[in-house]
Amino acid sequence: MNPKLDSAQLGVAVRISRIDWDQMSHDEGRRLREFGLMEGIEVTPLHRGSLFSRDPLALAIGRMQVIIRARQAAMIEVASTAP
């Protein structure tokens, strides 16, 4: 099993290998798809909420920056982009 996006190192690009769509509500899944979060794309975790919370998580997807909840990031498996 691959690591999850919620524990990925900040500033290091990762590739989404699997998203557990069944764990999300229809609206959550639709929102993430609208952001372009799909298997195979590269994302870079930028920063987490605050000193006391890991929620939310800011991501760079191409030239766009989006915010997702840590709970949603925990449903996304990632892999290294290194060859």
PDB file of N, CA and C in Angstrom:
ATOM      1  N   MET A   1       0.846  -1.191   0.000  1.00  0.00           N
ATOM      2  CA  MET A   1       0.000   0.000   0.000  1.00  0.00           C
ATOM      3  C   MET A   1       0.884   1.243   0.000  1.00  0.00           C
ATOM      4  N   ASN A   2       0.542   2.190  -0.838  1.00  0.00           N
ATOM      5  CA  ASN A   2       1.296   3.438  -0.959  1.00  0.00           C
ATOM      6  C   ASN A   2       0.962   4.387   0.178  1.00  0.00           C
ATOM      7  N   PRO A   3       1.857   5.360   0.439  1.00  0.00           N
ATOM      8  CA  PRO A   3       1.544   6.387   1.448  1.00  0.00           C
ATOM      9  C   PRO A   3       0.352   7.236   0.995  1.00  0.00           C
ATOM     10  N   LYS A   4      -0.226   7.921   1.935  1.00  0.00           N
ATOM     11  CA  LYS A   4      -1.394   8.770   1.662  1.00  0.00           C
ATOM     12  C   LYS A   4      -0.952  10.222   1.482  1.00  0.00           C
ATOM     13  N   LEU A   5      -1.756  10.965   0.765  1.00  0.00           N
ATOM     14  CA  LEU A   5      -1.458  12.363   0.492  1.00  0.00           C
ATOM     15  C   LEU A   5      -1.388  13.200   1.773  1.00  0.00           C
ATOM     16  N   ASP A   6      -2.159  12.846   2.786  1.00  0.00           N
ATOM     17  CA  ASP A   6      -2.150  13.640   4.018  1.00  0.00           C
ATOM     18  C   ASP A   6      -0.829  13.558   4.767  1.00  0.00           C
ATOM     19  N   SER A   7       0.009  12.554   4.453  1.00  0.00           N
ATOM     20  CA  SER A   7       1.307  12.434   5.121  1.00  0.00           C
ATOM     21  C   SER A   7       2.473  12.703   4.180  1.00  0.00           C
ATOM     22  N   ALA A   8       2.193  13.149   2.962  1.00  0.00           N
ATOM     23  CA  ALA A   8       3.249  13.432   1.987  1.00  0.00           C
ATOM     24  C   ALA A   8       4.077  14.636   2.436  1.00  0.00           C
ATOM     25  N   GLN A   9       5.349  14.598   2.083  1.00  0.00           N
ATOM     26  CA  GLN A   9       6.261  15.680   2.444  1.00  0.00           C
ATOM     27  C   GLN A   9       5.887  16.965   1.711  1.00  0.00           C
ATOM     28  N   LEU A  10       5.885  18.061   2.439  1.00  0.00           N
ATOM     29  CA  LEU A  10       5.551  19.356   1.835  1.00  0.00           C
ATOM     30  C   LEU A  10       6.628  19.766   0.848  1.00  0.00           C
ATOM     31  N   GLY A  11       6.203  20.357  -0.261  1.00  0.00           N
ATOM     32  CA  GLY A  11       7.122  20.865  -1.263  1.00  0.00           C
ATOM     33  C   GLY A  11       7.678  19.825  -2.219  1.00  0.00           C
ATOM     34  N   VAL A  12       7.291  18.562  -2.056  1.00  0.00           N
ATOM     35  CA  VAL A  12       7.799  17.481  -2.906  1.00  0.00           C
ATOM     36  C   VAL A  12       6.642  16.930  -3.744  1.00  0.00           C
ATOM     37  N   ALA A  13       6.810  16.965  -5.058  1.00  0.00           N
ATOM     38  CA  ALA A  13       5.758  16.487  -5.961  1.00  0.00           C
ATOM     39  C   ALA A  13       5.571  14.983  -5.820  1.00  0.00           C
ATOM     40  N   VAL A  14       4.310  14.562  -5.865  1.00  0.00           N
ATOM     41  CA  VAL A  14       3.942  13.142  -5.832  1.00  0.00           C
ATOM     42  C   VAL A  14       2.905  12.892  -6.914  1.00  0.00           C
ATOM     43  N   ARG A  15       2.765  11.626  -7.308  1.00  0.00           N
ATOM     44  CA  ARG A  15       1.773  11.245  -8.308  1.00  0.00           C
ATOM     45  C   ARG A  15       0.643  10.495  -7.603  1.00  0.00           C
ATOM     46  N   ILE A  16      -0.587  10.854  -7.925  1.00  0.00           N
ATOM     47  CA  ILE A  16      -1.738  10.174  -7.337  1.00  0.00           C
ATOM     48  C   ILE A  16      -1.844   8.783  -7.963  1.00  0.00           C
ATOM     49  N   SER A  17      -1.782   7.764  -7.124  1.00  0.00           N
ATOM     50  CA  SER A  17      -1.856   6.397  -7.639  1.00  0.00           C
ATOM     51  C   SER A  17      -3.248   5.790  -7.465  1.00  0.00           C
ATOM     52  N   ARG A  18      -3.986   6.220  -6.450  1.00  0.00           N
ATOM     53  CA  ARG A  18      -5.327   5.668  -6.224  1.00  0.00           C
ATOM     54  C   ARG A  18      -6.127   6.617  -5.352  1.00  0.00           C
ATOM     55  N   ILE A  19      -7.400   6.775  -5.671  1.00  0.00           N
ATOM     56  CA  ILE A  19      -8.328   7.568  -4.856  1.00  0.00           C
ATOM     57  C   ILE A  19      -9.474   6.658  -4.462  1.00  0.00           C
ATOM     58  N   ASP A  20      -9.766   6.605  -3.175  1.00  0.00           N
ATOM     59  CA  ASP A  20     -10.858   5.767  -2.679  1.00  0.00           C
ATOM     60  C   ASP A  20     -12.167   6.557  -2.770  1.00  0.00           C
ATOM     61  N   TRP A  21     -12.737   6.592  -3.965  1.00  0.00           N
ATOM     62  CA  TRP A  21     -13.955   7.367  -4.207  1.00  0.00           C
ATOM     63  C   TRP A  21     -15.119   6.873  -3.360  1.00  0.00           C
ATOM     64  N   ASP A  22     -15.139   5.589  -3.031  1.00  0.00           N
ATOM     65  CA  ASP A  22     -16.242   5.016  -2.256  1.00  0.00           C
ATOM     66  C   ASP A  22     -16.324   5.573  -0.839  1.00  0.00           C
ATOM     67  N   GLN A  23     -15.223   6.073  -0.311  1.00  0.00           N
ATOM     68  CA  GLN A  23     -15.204   6.635   1.036  1.00  0.00           C
ATOM     69  C   GLN A  23     -15.714   8.079   1.086  1.00  0.00           C
ATOM     70  N   MET A  24     -15.862   8.692  -0.087  1.00  0.00           N
ATOM     71  CA  MET A  24     -16.276  10.097  -0.159  1.00  0.00           C
ATOM     72  C   MET A  24     -17.748  10.210  -0.514  1.00  0.00           C
ATOM     73  N   SER A  25     -18.327  11.322  -0.117  1.00  0.00           N
ATOM     74  CA  SER A  25     -19.690  11.604  -0.556  1.00  0.00           C
ATOM     75  C   SER A  25     -19.651  11.979  -2.041  1.00  0.00           C
ATOM     76  N   HIS A  26     -20.792  11.939  -2.667  1.00  0.00           N
ATOM     77  CA  HIS A  26     -20.890  12.319  -4.077  1.00  0.00           C
ATOM     78  C   HIS A  26     -20.364  13.741  -4.294  1.00  0.00           C
ATOM     79  N   ASP A  27     -20.741  14.672  -3.407  1.00  0.00           N
ATOM     80  CA  ASP A  27     -20.312  16.070  -3.545  1.00  0.00           C
ATOM     81  C   ASP A  27     -18.807  16.224  -3.373  1.00  0.00           C
ATOM     82  N   GLU A  28     -18.221  15.485  -2.414  1.00  0.00           N
ATOM     83  CA  GLU A  28     -16.770  15.547  -2.226  1.00  0.00           C
ATOM     84  C   GLU A  28     -16.048  15.054  -3.479  1.00  0.00           C
ATOM     85  N   GLY A  29     -16.496  13.924  -3.999  1.00  0.00           N
ATOM     86  CA  GLY A  29     -15.879  13.379  -5.204  1.00  0.00           C
ATOM     87  C   GLY A  29     -15.996  14.307  -6.394  1.00  0.00           C
ATOM     88  N   ARG A  30     -17.162  14.893  -6.564  1.00  0.00           N
ATOM     89  CA  ARG A  30     -17.376  15.838  -7.667  1.00  0.00           C
ATOM     90  C   ARG A  30     -16.444  17.031  -7.533  1.00  0.00           C
ATOM     91  N   ARG A  31     -16.323  17.562  -6.315  1.00  0.00           N
ATOM     92  CA  ARG A  31     -15.464  18.732  -6.082  1.00  0.00           C
ATOM     93  C   ARG A  31     -13.996  18.408  -6.395  1.00  0.00           C
ATOM     94  N   LEU A  32     -13.524  17.250  -5.939  1.00  0.00           N
ATOM     95  CA  LEU A  32     -12.134  16.890  -6.205  1.00  0.00           C
ATOM     96  C   LEU A  32     -11.897  16.671  -7.692  1.00  0.00           C
ATOM     97  N   ARG A  33     -12.867  16.081  -8.385  1.00  0.00           N
ATOM     98  CA  ARG A  33     -12.729  15.898  -9.842  1.00  0.00           C
ATOM     99  C   ARG A  33     -12.701  17.252 -10.558  1.00  0.00           C
ATOM    100  N   GLU A  34     -13.509  18.199 -10.081  1.00  0.00           N
ATOM    101  CA  GLU A  34     -13.513  19.537 -10.677  1.00  0.00           C
ATOM    102  C   GLU A  34     -12.161  20.223 -10.514  1.00  0.00           C
ATOM    103  N   PHE A  35     -11.470  19.920  -9.416  1.00  0.00           N
ATOM    104  CA  PHE A  35     -10.119  20.458  -9.193  1.00  0.00           C
ATOM    105  C   PHE A  35      -9.077  19.762 -10.054  1.00  0.00           C
ATOM    106  N   GLY A  36      -9.449  18.644 -10.676  1.00  0.00           N
ATOM    107  CA  GLY A  36      -8.514  17.899 -11.494  1.00  0.00           C
ATOM    108  C   GLY A  36      -7.798  16.792 -10.751  1.00  0.00           C
ATOM    109  N   LEU A  37      -8.249  16.474  -9.549  1.00  0.00           N
ATOM    110  CA  LEU A  37      -7.618  15.395  -8.788  1.00  0.00           C
ATOM    111  C   LEU A  37      -8.101  14.052  -9.323  1.00  0.00           C
ATOM    112  N   MET A  38      -7.222  13.370 -10.034  1.00  0.00           N
ATOM    113  CA  MET A  38      -7.524  12.070 -10.638  1.00  0.00           C
ATOM    114  C   MET A  38      -6.271  11.209 -10.545  1.00  0.00           C
ATOM    115  N   GLU A  39      -6.433   9.908 -10.672  1.00  0.00           N
ATOM    116  CA  GLU A  39      -5.297   9.000 -10.684  1.00  0.00           C
ATOM    117  C   GLU A  39      -4.355   9.373 -11.822  1.00  0.00           C
ATOM    118  N   GLY A  40      -3.063   9.355 -11.534  1.00  0.00           N
ATOM    119  CA  GLY A  40      -2.050   9.624 -12.552  1.00  0.00           C
ATOM    120  C   GLY A  40      -1.532  11.051 -12.598  1.00  0.00           C
ATOM    121  N   ILE A  41      -2.222  11.994 -11.966  1.00  0.00           N
ATOM    122  CA  ILE A  41      -1.734  13.374 -12.037  1.00  0.00           C
ATOM    123  C   ILE A  41      -0.712  13.642 -10.940  1.00  0.00           C
ATOM    124  N   GLU A  42       0.084  14.665 -11.154  1.00  0.00           N
ATOM    125  CA  GLU A  42       1.115  15.067 -10.205  1.00  0.00           C
ATOM    126  C   GLU A  42       0.610  16.253  -9.392  1.00  0.00           C
ATOM    127  N   VAL A  43       0.797  16.177  -8.082  1.00  0.00           N
ATOM    128  CA  VAL A  43       0.430  17.267  -7.184  1.00  0.00           C
ATOM    129  C   VAL A  43       1.594  17.538  -6.242  1.00  0.00           C
ATOM    130  N   THR A  44       1.641  18.750  -5.720  1.00  0.00           N
ATOM    131  CA  THR A  44       2.660  19.108  -4.734  1.00  0.00           C
ATOM    132  C   THR A  44       1.976  19.653  -3.496  1.00  0.00           C
ATOM    133  N   PRO A  45       2.100  18.967  -2.354  1.00  0.00           N
ATOM    134  CA  PRO A  45       1.564  19.510  -1.102  1.00  0.00           C
ATOM    135  C   PRO A  45       2.356  20.769  -0.731  1.00  0.00           C
ATOM    136  N   LEU A  46       1.666  21.864  -0.477  1.00  0.00           N
ATOM    137  CA  LEU A  46       2.342  23.135  -0.210  1.00  0.00           C
ATOM    138  C   LEU A  46       2.432  23.457   1.280  1.00  0.00           C
ATOM    139  N   HIS A  47       1.300  23.409   1.962  1.00  0.00           N
ATOM    140  CA  HIS A  47       1.309  23.670   3.409  1.00  0.00           C
ATOM    141  C   HIS A  47       0.046  23.132   4.043  1.00  0.00           C
ATOM    142  N   ARG A  48       0.145  22.935   5.351  1.00  0.00           N
ATOM    143  CA  ARG A  48      -0.986  22.430   6.129  1.00  0.00           C
ATOM    144  C   ARG A  48      -1.523  23.546   6.998  1.00  0.00           C
ATOM    145  N   GLY A  49      -2.743  23.357   7.474  1.00  0.00           N
ATOM    146  CA  GLY A  49      -3.492  24.331   8.253  1.00  0.00           C
ATOM    147  C   GLY A  49      -2.713  25.247   9.163  1.00  0.00           C
ATOM    148  N   SER A  50      -2.392  24.762  10.340  1.00  0.00           N
ATOM    149  CA  SER A  50      -1.742  25.634  11.314  1.00  0.00           C
ATOM    150  C   SER A  50      -0.825  24.810  12.193  1.00  0.00           C
ATOM    151  N   LEU A  51      -0.269  25.458  13.163  1.00  0.00           N
ATOM    152  CA  LEU A  51       0.634  24.806  14.101  1.00  0.00           C
ATOM    153  C   LEU A  51      -0.062  23.668  14.845  1.00  0.00           C
ATOM    154  N   PHE A  52      -1.342  23.821  15.121  1.00  0.00           N
ATOM    155  CA  PHE A  52      -2.068  22.850  15.934  1.00  0.00           C
ATOM    156  C   PHE A  52      -2.968  21.913  15.130  1.00  0.00           C
ATOM    157  N   SER A  53      -3.045  22.113  13.830  1.00  0.00           N
ATOM    158  CA  SER A  53      -3.954  21.303  13.018  1.00  0.00           C
ATOM    159  C   SER A  53      -3.315  20.983  11.674  1.00  0.00           C
ATOM    160  N   ARG A  54      -3.615  19.809  11.145  1.00  0.00           N
ATOM    161  CA  ARG A  54      -3.123  19.432   9.818  1.00  0.00           C
ATOM    162  C   ARG A  54      -4.193  19.696   8.765  1.00  0.00           C
ATOM    163  N   ASP A  55      -5.229  20.411   9.130  1.00  0.00           N
ATOM    164  CA  ASP A  55      -6.360  20.652   8.250  1.00  0.00           C
ATOM    165  C   ASP A  55      -6.504  22.149   8.003  1.00  0.00           C
ATOM    166  N   PRO A  56      -6.682  22.605   6.818  1.00  0.00           N
ATOM    167  CA  PRO A  56      -6.727  21.888   5.549  1.00  0.00           C
ATOM    168  C   PRO A  56      -5.323  21.716   4.967  1.00  0.00           C
ATOM    169  N   LEU A  57      -5.258  21.127   3.779  1.00  0.00           N
ATOM    170  CA  LEU A  57      -4.010  20.902   3.066  1.00  0.00           C
ATOM    171  C   LEU A  57      -4.074  21.660   1.746  1.00  0.00           C
ATOM    172  N   ALA A  58      -3.075  22.502   1.502  1.00  0.00           N
ATOM    173  CA  ALA A  58      -2.991  23.242   0.237  1.00  0.00           C
ATOM    174  C   ALA A  58      -2.144  22.435  -0.743  1.00  0.00           C
ATOM    175  N   LEU A  59      -2.626  22.339  -1.976  1.00  0.00           N
ATOM    176  CA  LEU A  59      -1.947  21.581  -3.028  1.00  0.00           C
ATOM    177  C   LEU A  59      -1.738  22.442  -4.256  1.00  0.00           C
ATOM    178  N   ALA A  60      -0.643  22.194  -4.958  1.00  0.00           N
ATOM    179  CA  ALA A  60      -0.445  22.766  -6.286  1.00  0.00           C
ATOM    180  C   ALA A  60      -0.753  21.670  -7.293  1.00  0.00           C
ATOM    181  N   ILE A  61      -1.645  21.987  -8.218  1.00  0.00           N
ATOM    182  CA  ILE A  61      -1.992  21.083  -9.317  1.00  0.00           C
ATOM    183  C   ILE A  61      -1.742  21.883 -10.584  1.00  0.00           C
ATOM    184  N   GLY A  62      -0.618  21.622 -11.222  1.00  0.00           N
ATOM    185  CA  GLY A  62      -0.223  22.458 -12.353  1.00  0.00           C
ATOM    186  C   GLY A  62       0.023  23.873 -11.847  1.00  0.00           C
ATOM    187  N   ARG A  63      -0.637  24.844 -12.472  1.00  0.00           N
ATOM    188  CA  ARG A  63      -0.492  26.240 -12.034  1.00  0.00           C
ATOM    189  C   ARG A  63      -1.562  26.656 -11.035  1.00  0.00           C
ATOM    190  N   MET A  64      -2.447  25.744 -10.690  1.00  0.00           N
ATOM    191  CA  MET A  64      -3.561  26.041  -9.794  1.00  0.00           C
ATOM    192  C   MET A  64      -3.219  25.593  -8.371  1.00  0.00           C
ATOM    193  N   GLN A  65      -3.690  26.343  -7.384  1.00  0.00           N
ATOM    194  CA  GLN A  65      -3.580  25.934  -5.991  1.00  0.00           C
ATOM    195  C   GLN A  65      -4.981  25.678  -5.451  1.00  0.00           C
ATOM    196  N   VAL A  66      -5.138  24.545  -4.752  1.00  0.00           N
ATOM    197  CA  VAL A  66      -6.431  24.178  -4.191  1.00  0.00           C
ATOM    198  C   VAL A  66      -6.242  23.772  -2.731  1.00  0.00           C
ATOM    199  N   ILE A  67      -7.335  23.820  -1.998  1.00  0.00           N
ATOM    200  CA  ILE A  67      -7.348  23.428  -0.595  1.00  0.00           C
ATOM    201  C   ILE A  67      -8.291  22.237  -0.446  1.00  0.00           C
ATOM    202  N   ILE A  68      -7.804  21.172   0.206  1.00  0.00           N
ATOM    203  CA  ILE A  68      -8.674  20.044   0.510  1.00  0.00           C
ATOM    204  C   ILE A  68      -8.554  19.715   1.989  1.00  0.00           C
ATOM    205  N   ARG A  69      -9.502  19.002   2.508  1.00  0.00           N
ATOM    206  CA  ARG A  69      -9.482  18.589   3.909  1.00  0.00           C
ATOM    207  C   ARG A  69      -8.503  17.432   4.101  1.00  0.00           C
ATOM    208  N   ALA A  70      -7.899  17.372   5.282  1.00  0.00           N
ATOM    209  CA  ALA A  70      -6.963  16.292   5.598  1.00  0.00           C
ATOM    210  C   ALA A  70      -7.661  14.943   5.495  1.00  0.00           C
ATOM    211  N   ARG A  71      -8.919  14.879   5.865  1.00  0.00           N
ATOM    212  CA  ARG A  71      -9.690  13.637   5.788  1.00  0.00           C
ATOM    213  C   ARG A  71      -9.780  13.161   4.334  1.00  0.00           C
ATOM    214  N   GLN A  72      -9.958  14.087   3.405  1.00  0.00           N
ATOM    215  CA  GLN A  72     -10.004  13.729   1.987  1.00  0.00           C
ATOM    216  C   GLN A  72      -8.625  13.297   1.495  1.00  0.00           C
ATOM    217  N   ALA A  73      -7.590  14.001   1.937  1.00  0.00           N
ATOM    218  CA  ALA A  73      -6.221  13.651   1.542  1.00  0.00           C
ATOM    219  C   ALA A  73      -5.846  12.251   2.032  1.00  0.00           C
ATOM    220  N   ALA A  74      -6.435  11.830   3.157  1.00  0.00           N
ATOM    221  CA  ALA A  74      -6.156  10.495   3.692  1.00  0.00           C
ATOM    222  C   ALA A  74      -6.777   9.399   2.824  1.00  0.00           C
ATOM    223  N   MET A  75      -7.644   9.737   1.901  1.00  0.00           N
ATOM    224  CA  MET A  75      -8.274   8.771   1.006  1.00  0.00           C
ATOM    225  C   MET A  75      -7.543   8.680  -0.346  1.00  0.00           C
ATOM    226  N   ILE A  76      -6.422   9.400  -0.457  1.00  0.00           N
ATOM    227  CA  ILE A  76      -5.687   9.475  -1.713  1.00  0.00           C
ATOM    228  C   ILE A  76      -4.301   8.870  -1.521  1.00  0.00           C
ATOM    229  N   GLU A  77      -4.017   7.791  -2.235  1.00  0.00           N
ATOM    230  CA  GLU A  77      -2.703   7.163  -2.188  1.00  0.00           C
ATOM    231  C   GLU A  77      -1.805   7.834  -3.219  1.00  0.00           C
ATOM    232  N   VAL A  78      -0.546   8.021  -2.840  1.00  0.00           N
ATOM    233  CA  VAL A  78       0.414   8.685  -3.726  1.00  0.00           C
ATOM    234  C   VAL A  78       1.673   7.852  -3.873  1.00  0.00           C
ATOM    235  N   ALA A  79       2.413   8.151  -4.914  1.00  0.00           N
ATOM    236  CA  ALA A  79       3.700   7.504  -5.176  1.00  0.00           C
ATOM    237  C   ALA A  79       4.708   8.576  -5.569  1.00  0.00           C
ATOM    238  N   SER A  80       5.961   8.266  -5.405  1.00  0.00           N
ATOM    239  CA  SER A  80       7.023   9.193  -5.777  1.00  0.00           C
ATOM    240  C   SER A  80       7.000   9.447  -7.277  1.00  0.00           C
ATOM    241  N   THR A  81       7.423  10.638  -7.669  1.00  0.00           N
ATOM    242  CA  THR A  81       7.539  10.951  -9.098  1.00  0.00           C
ATOM    243  C   THR A  81       8.944  10.659  -9.608  1.00  0.00           C
ATOM    244  N   ALA A  82       9.852  10.301  -8.700  1.00  0.00           N
ATOM    245  CA  ALA A  82      11.230   9.990  -9.094  1.00  0.00           C
ATOM    246  C   ALA A  82      11.258   8.717  -9.928  1.00  0.00           C
ATOM    247  N   PRO A  83      12.141   8.657 -10.923  1.00  0.00           N
ATOM    248  CA  PRO A  83      12.226   7.460 -11.795  1.00  0.00           C
ATOM    249  C   PRO A  83      12.706   6.230 -11.037  1.00  0.00           C
TER     250      PRO A  83
END
